[in-house]
C-alpha atoms as a PDB file:
ATOM      1  CA  UNK A   1       0.097   0.182  -0.186  1.00  0.00           C
ATOM      2  CA  UNK A   2       0.856   3.403  -0.848  1.00  0.00           C
ATOM      3  CA  UNK A   3       1.232   6.318   1.686  1.00  0.00           C
ATOM      4  CA  UNK A   4       1.758  10.181   1.585  1.00  0.00           C
ATOM      5  CA  UNK A   5       3.502  11.859   2.943  1.00  0.00           C
ATOM      6  CA  UNK A   6       3.875  15.611   2.488  1.00  0.00           C
ATOM      7  CA  UNK A   7       6.923  17.793   1.796  1.00  0.00           C
ATOM      8  CA  UNK A   8       8.597  20.574  -0.027  1.00  0.00           C
ATOM      9  CA  UNK A   9       8.128  20.491  -4.084  1.00  0.00           C
ATOM     10  CA  UNK A  10      11.995  19.734  -5.442  1.00  0.00           C
ATOM     11  CA  UNK A  11      11.562  21.679  -8.927  1.00  0.00           C
ATOM     12  CA  UNK A  12      14.046  19.768 -10.691  1.00  0.00           C
ATOM     13  CA  UNK A  13      17.476  21.053 -11.100  1.00  0.00           C
ATOM     14  CA  UNK A  14      19.730  22.813 -14.139  1.00  0.00           C
ATOM     15  CA  UNK A  15      22.982  23.577 -14.806  1.00  0.00           C
ATOM     16  CA  UNK A  16      23.937  26.584 -16.460  1.00  0.00           C
ATOM     17  CA  UNK A  17      25.208  25.758 -20.261  1.00  0.00           C
ATOM     18  CA  UNK A  18      24.971  29.167 -21.557  1.00  0.00           C
ATOM     19  CA  UNK A  19      28.318  30.907 -22.573  1.00  0.00           C
ATOM     20  CA  UNK A  20      29.664  34.316 -24.560  1.00  0.00           C
ATOM     21  CA  UNK A  21      33.732  35.355 -24.823  1.00  0.00           C
ATOM     22  CA  UNK A  22      34.029  31.613 -23.592  1.00  0.00           C
ATOM     23  CA  UNK A  23      32.941  32.084 -20.397  1.00  0.00           C
ATOM     24  CA  UNK A  24      30.108  30.342 -18.912  1.00  0.00           C
ATOM     25  CA  UNK A  25      27.812  32.738 -18.114  1.00  0.00           C
ATOM     26  CA  UNK A  26      23.771  32.121 -16.689  1.00  0.00           C
ATOM     27  CA  UNK A  27      23.984  31.712 -13.030  1.00  0.00           C
ATOM     28  CA  UNK A  28      21.695  34.520 -11.726  1.00  0.00           C
ATOM     29  CA  UNK A  29      18.789  33.218 -14.564  1.00  0.00           C
ATOM     30  CA  UNK A  30      19.276  29.603 -14.198  1.00  0.00           C
ATOM     31  CA  UNK A  31      19.177  30.003 -10.520  1.00  0.00           C
ATOM     32  CA  UNK A  32      15.890  32.051 -11.673  1.00  0.00           C
ATOM     33  CA  UNK A  33      14.557  29.078 -13.648  1.00  0.00           C
ATOM     34  CA  UNK A  34      14.566  26.775 -11.121  1.00  0.00           C
ATOM     35  CA  UNK A  35      12.850  29.487  -8.590  1.00  0.00           C
ATOM     36  CA  UNK A  36      10.321  30.222 -10.964  1.00  0.00           C
ATOM     37  CA  UNK A  37      10.218  26.210 -11.897  1.00  0.00           C
ATOM     38  CA  UNK A  38       8.974  25.405  -8.181  1.00  0.00           C
ATOM     39  CA  UNK A  39       7.196  28.275  -7.326  1.00  0.00           C
ATOM     40  CA  UNK A  40       4.605  27.092 -10.162  1.00  0.00           C
ATOM     41  CA  UNK A  41       5.529  23.183  -8.941  1.00  0.00           C
ATOM     42  CA  UNK A  42       6.509  22.360 -12.150  1.00  0.00           C
ATOM     43  CA  UNK A  43       3.571  23.767 -13.891  1.00  0.00           C
ATOM     44  CA  UNK A  44       6.537  25.958 -16.205  1.00  0.00           C
ATOM     45  CA  UNK A  45       9.532  24.752 -17.310  1.00  0.00           C
ATOM     46  CA  UNK A  46      12.053  28.035 -17.901  1.00  0.00           C
ATOM     47  CA  UNK A  47      15.560  27.897 -18.428  1.00  0.00           C
ATOM     48  CA  UNK A  48      18.552  30.710 -19.009  1.00  0.00           C
ATOM     49  CA  UNK A  49      17.812  31.213 -22.243  1.00  0.00           C
ATOM     50  CA  UNK A  50      14.517  32.313 -22.351  1.00  0.00           C
ATOM     51  CA  UNK A  51      14.853  33.943 -18.939  1.00  0.00           C
ATOM     52  CA  UNK A  52      17.914  35.992 -21.025  1.00  0.00           C
ATOM     53  CA  UNK A  53      15.721  36.498 -23.590  1.00  0.00           C
ATOM     54  CA  UNK A  54      12.892  38.395 -21.440  1.00  0.00           C
ATOM     55  CA  UNK A  55      15.254  40.097 -20.313  1.00  0.00           C
ATOM     56  CA  UNK A  56      16.450  43.851 -21.031  1.00  0.00           C
ATOM     57  CA  UNK A  57      19.678  42.258 -21.519  1.00  0.00           C
ATOM     58  CA  UNK A  58      19.207  40.053 -23.970  1.00  0.00           C
ATOM     59  CA  UNK A  59      22.957  40.352 -25.314  1.00  0.00           C
ATOM     60  CA  UNK A  60      25.182  40.453 -21.720  1.00  0.00           C
ATOM     61  CA  UNK A  61      27.461  43.095 -20.665  1.00  0.00           C
ATOM     62  CA  UNK A  62      30.695  42.338 -21.285  1.00  0.00           C
ATOM     63  CA  UNK A  63      31.614  44.013 -18.198  1.00  0.00           C
ATOM     64  CA  UNK A  64      28.840  42.691 -16.181  1.00  0.00           C
ATOM     65  CA  UNK A  65      26.877  39.128 -17.712  1.00  0.00           C
ATOM     66  CA  UNK A  66      24.844  38.807 -14.658  1.00  0.00           C
ATOM     67  CA  UNK A  67      22.058  38.872 -14.350  1.00  0.00           C
ATOM     68  CA  UNK A  68      20.824  41.277 -11.218  1.00  0.00           C
ATOM     69  CA  UNK A  69      17.782  41.493  -9.419  1.00  0.00           C
ATOM     70  CA  UNK A  70      15.984  44.371 -10.975  1.00  0.00           C
ATOM     71  CA  UNK A  71      15.861  42.554 -13.645  1.00  0.00           C
ATOM     72  CA  UNK A  72      15.018  39.085 -12.632  1.00  0.00           C
ATOM     73  CA  UNK A  73      11.939  41.410 -11.035  1.00  0.00           C
ATOM     74  CA  UNK A  74      11.047  42.937 -14.685  1.00  0.00           C
ATOM     75  CA  UNK A  75      11.395  38.906 -15.900  1.00  0.00           C
ATOM     76  CA  UNK A  76       9.207  37.426 -13.517  1.00  0.00           C
ATOM     77  CA  UNK A  77       6.156  40.133 -14.307  1.00  0.00           C
ATOM     78  CA  UNK A  78       6.677  39.422 -18.050  1.00  0.00           C
ATOM     79  CA  UNK A  79       5.721  35.930 -17.179  1.00  0.00           C
ATOM     80  CA  UNK A  80       2.915  36.938 -14.636  1.00  0.00           C
ATOM     81  CA  UNK A  81       4.181  35.240 -10.763  1.00  0.00           C
ATOM     82  CA  UNK A  82       5.112  36.822  -7.881  1.00  0.00           C
ATOM     83  CA  UNK A  83       9.490  37.037  -7.302  1.00  0.00           C
ATOM     84  CA  UNK A  84      10.775  40.205  -4.876  1.00  0.00           C
ATOM     85  CA  UNK A  85      13.298  41.547  -4.063  1.00  0.00           C
ATOM     86  CA  UNK A  86      15.479  41.323  -0.690  1.00  0.00           C
ATOM     87  CA  UNK A  87      18.551  43.034  -2.102  1.00  0.00           C
ATOM     88  CA  UNK A  88      19.688  45.561   0.736  1.00  0.00           C
ATOM     89  CA  UNK A  89      18.563  43.013   3.133  1.00  0.00           C
ATOM     90  CA  UNK A  90      20.725  41.269   6.329  1.00  0.00           C
ATOM     91  CA  UNK A  91      21.449  37.692   5.977  1.00  0.00           C
ATOM     92  CA  UNK A  92      18.717  36.277   8.531  1.00  0.00           C
ATOM     93  CA  UNK A  93      16.116  37.605   5.927  1.00  0.00           C
ATOM     94  CA  UNK A  94      17.097  34.793   3.673  1.00  0.00           C
ATOM     95  CA  UNK A  95      16.728  32.139   6.317  1.00  0.00           C
ATOM     96  CA  UNK A  96      13.358  33.157   7.320  1.00  0.00           C
ATOM     97  CA  UNK A  97      11.793  33.040   4.082  1.00  0.00           C
ATOM     98  CA  UNK A  98      13.426  30.349   3.239  1.00  0.00           C
ATOM     99  CA  UNK A  99      11.585  29.103   6.966  1.00  0.00           C
ATOM    100  CA  UNK A 100       8.429  29.840   5.106  1.00  0.00           C
ATOM    101  CA  UNK A 101       9.020  27.881   2.499  1.00  0.00           C
ATOM    102  CA  UNK A 102       9.825  30.387  -0.045  1.00  0.00           C
ATOM    103  CA  UNK A 103      12.912  29.715  -2.873  1.00  0.00           C
ATOM    104  CA  UNK A 104      16.035  32.114  -2.847  1.00  0.00           C
ATOM    105  CA  UNK A 105      18.361  33.323  -5.594  1.00  0.00           C
ATOM    106  CA  UNK A 106      21.675  34.288  -3.273  1.00  0.00           C
ATOM    107  CA  UNK A 107      24.595  35.669  -4.790  1.00  0.00           C
ATOM    108  CA  UNK A 108      27.006  35.383  -3.688  1.00  0.00           C
ATOM    109  CA  UNK A 109      31.168  35.371  -3.813  1.00  0.00           C
ATOM    110  CA  UNK A 110      32.097  31.758  -5.629  1.00  0.00           C
ATOM    111  CA  UNK A 111      34.851  31.216  -3.032  1.00  0.00           C
ATOM    112  CA  UNK A 112      33.175  31.304  -0.474  1.00  0.00           C
ATOM    113  CA  UNK A 113      31.274  27.842  -0.446  1.00  0.00           C
ATOM    114  CA  UNK A 114      34.517  26.247  -2.371  1.00  0.00           C
ATOM    115  CA  UNK A 115      34.096  27.780  -6.234  1.00  0.00           C
ATOM    116  CA  UNK A 116      36.858  30.377  -8.181  1.00  0.00           C
ATOM    117  CA  UNK A 117      36.934  33.901  -7.236  1.00  0.00           C
ATOM    118  CA  UNK A 118      34.269  35.176  -9.147  1.00  0.00           C
ATOM    119  CA  UNK A 119      30.449  36.304  -8.339  1.00  0.00           C
ATOM    120  CA  UNK A 120      27.931  33.591  -8.271  1.00  0.00           C
ATOM    121  CA  UNK A 121      24.399  32.745  -8.095  1.00  0.00           C
ATOM    122  CA  UNK A 122      23.311  29.917  -6.245  1.00  0.00           C
ATOM    123  CA  UNK A 123      19.213  28.764  -5.899  1.00  0.00           C
ATOM    124  CA  UNK A 124      18.135  28.053  -2.376  1.00  0.00           C
ATOM    125  CA  UNK A 125      15.454  25.781  -1.181  1.00  0.00           C
ATOM    126  CA  UNK A 126      15.548  24.752   2.092  1.00  0.00           C
ATOM    127  CA  UNK A 127      17.494  24.672   4.916  1.00  0.00           C
ATOM    128  CA  UNK A 128      18.437  21.809   8.182  1.00  0.00           C
ATOM    129  CA  UNK A 129      20.105  21.398  11.538  1.00  0.00           C
ATOM    130  CA  UNK A 130      22.617  18.491  11.400  1.00  0.00           C
ATOM    131  CA  UNK A 131      22.733  15.872  14.844  1.00  0.00           C
ATOM    132  CA  UNK A 132      26.108  18.014  15.409  1.00  0.00           C
ATOM    133  CA  UNK A 133      24.316  21.757  15.917  1.00  0.00           C
ATOM    134  CA  UNK A 134      26.054  22.394  12.081  1.00  0.00           C
ATOM    135  CA  UNK A 135      23.405  24.588   9.903  1.00  0.00           C
ATOM    136  CA  UNK A 136      23.462  23.794   6.182  1.00  0.00           C
ATOM    137  CA  UNK A 137      20.865  25.490   3.779  1.00  0.00           C
ATOM    138  CA  UNK A 138      19.624  23.004   0.672  1.00  0.00           C
ATOM    139  CA  UNK A 139      19.649  24.309  -3.295  1.00  0.00           C
ATOM    140  CA  UNK A 140      21.660  24.138  -6.610  1.00  0.00           C
ATOM    141  CA  UNK A 141      24.438  25.299  -7.996  1.00  0.00           C
ATOM    142  CA  UNK A 142      24.075  26.383 -11.344  1.00  0.00           C
ATOM    143  CA  UNK A 143      27.574  25.074 -12.573  1.00  0.00           C
ATOM    144  CA  UNK A 144      26.829  22.051 -10.945  1.00  0.00           C
ATOM    145  CA  UNK A 145      23.679  21.347 -11.834  1.00  0.00           C
ATOM    146  CA  UNK A 146      23.046  18.963  -8.912  1.00  0.00           C
ATOM    147  CA  UNK A 147      21.323  18.993  -5.242  1.00  0.00           C
ATOM    148  CA  UNK A 148      23.589  19.670  -2.798  1.00  0.00           C
ATOM    149  CA  UNK A 149      23.812  20.796   1.064  1.00  0.00           C
ATOM    150  CA  UNK A 150      26.036  24.376   1.560  1.00  0.00           C
ATOM    151  CA  UNK A 151      27.315  24.940   5.029  1.00  0.00           C
ATOM    152  CA  UNK A 152      25.117  28.183   6.161  1.00  0.00           C
ATOM    153  CA  UNK A 153      27.515  30.105   7.546  1.00  0.00           C
ATOM    154  CA  UNK A 154      30.197  29.614   3.875  1.00  0.00           C
ATOM    155  CA  UNK A 155      26.501  31.546   2.342  1.00  0.00           C
ATOM    156  CA  UNK A 156      25.866  34.082   4.654  1.00  0.00           C
ATOM    157  CA  UNK A 157      30.551  34.903   4.337  1.00  0.00           C
ATOM    158  CA  UNK A 158      29.620  34.585   0.341  1.00  0.00           C
ATOM    159  CA  UNK A 159      26.569  36.726   0.536  1.00  0.00           C
ATOM    160  CA  UNK A 160      27.611  39.277   2.799  1.00  0.00           C
ATOM    161  CA  UNK A 161      31.219  39.589   0.873  1.00  0.00           C
ATOM    162  CA  UNK A 162      29.470  40.191  -2.618  1.00  0.00           C
ATOM    163  CA  UNK A 163      27.338  42.695  -1.018  1.00  0.00           C
ATOM    164  CA  UNK A 164      30.108  43.963   0.024  1.00  0.00           C
ATOM    165  CA  UNK A 165      32.363  44.524  -2.289  1.00  0.00           C
ATOM    166  CA  UNK A 166      28.969  45.840  -5.134  1.00  0.00           C
ATOM    167  CA  UNK A 167      29.045  48.558  -2.896  1.00  0.00           C
ATOM    168  CA  UNK A 168      26.084  47.934   0.040  1.00  0.00           C
ATOM    169  CA  UNK A 169      26.401  48.463   2.898  1.00  0.00           C
ATOM    170  CA  UNK A 170      27.931  45.919   5.728  1.00  0.00           C
ATOM    171  CA  UNK A 171      26.386  43.027   6.795  1.00  0.00           C
ATOM    172  CA  UNK A 172      23.561  43.374   3.227  1.00  0.00           C
ATOM    173  CA  UNK A 173      22.877  40.682   0.699  1.00  0.00           C
ATOM    174  CA  UNK A 174      21.873  40.688  -2.941  1.00  0.00           C
ATOM    175  CA  UNK A 175      19.250  37.908  -3.260  1.00  0.00           C
ATOM    176  CA  UNK A 176      15.904  38.313  -4.510  1.00  0.00           C
ATOM    177  CA  UNK A 177      12.648  35.591  -3.398  1.00  0.00           C
ATOM    178  CA  UNK A 178       9.615  33.859  -4.272  1.00  0.00           C
ATOM    179  CA  UNK A 179       5.915  33.529  -2.968  1.00  0.00           C
ATOM    180  CA  UNK A 180       4.995  30.912  -0.955  1.00  0.00           C
ATOM    181  CA  UNK A 181       5.609  27.817  -2.337  1.00  0.00           C
ATOM    182  CA  UNK A 182       2.576  25.406  -1.375  1.00  0.00           C
ATOM    183  CA  UNK A 183       3.780  21.736   0.683  1.00  0.00           C
ATOM    184  CA  UNK A 184       2.432  18.466  -2.428  1.00  0.00           C
ATOM    185  CA  UNK A 185       2.342  15.431  -1.314  1.00  0.00           C
ATOM    186  CA  UNK A 186       4.569  12.818  -1.865  1.00  0.00           C
ATOM    187  CA  UNK A 187       4.051   9.268  -2.747  1.00  0.00           C
ATOM    188  CA  UNK A 188       6.077   7.268  -0.572  1.00  0.00           C
END
């Protein structure tokens, strides 16, 4: 007999694929696509190419090829789904939003979560504390295209560092978030 449990909708992982001037780009667009797909519980199928094409920067700016949160809000408006800019809010607001069941596009300094020395974006969907008391955030790094757990303190440091590097006051972050994603039934 199959029982049904309730859990969060896990959107399929996406891996960024677009190259510009020989470099892989599109982490913010890919993270946003996963956030949009999650809040529609699979009812839409976004990818980074579609997100980029709906933005006001269809051709990447060579000096700053990624999209910003204002551009994502404008794309969400075109797609008729809610997405809010959390830029300028402290990291604690990211935790509150994840706790509410929202999905977050977090912009951070990639080296702080084990990547290279670049600005980057990841998709976040959940949080947990392990038996040793270490706090983790669940999501997808679009460079890898698979689900993983990020140490919360590393994400916080990376987000705050990137915020400071891009002109925000100390402790503020660059991120955006979805509406509360409904819980779904999961067959066991």
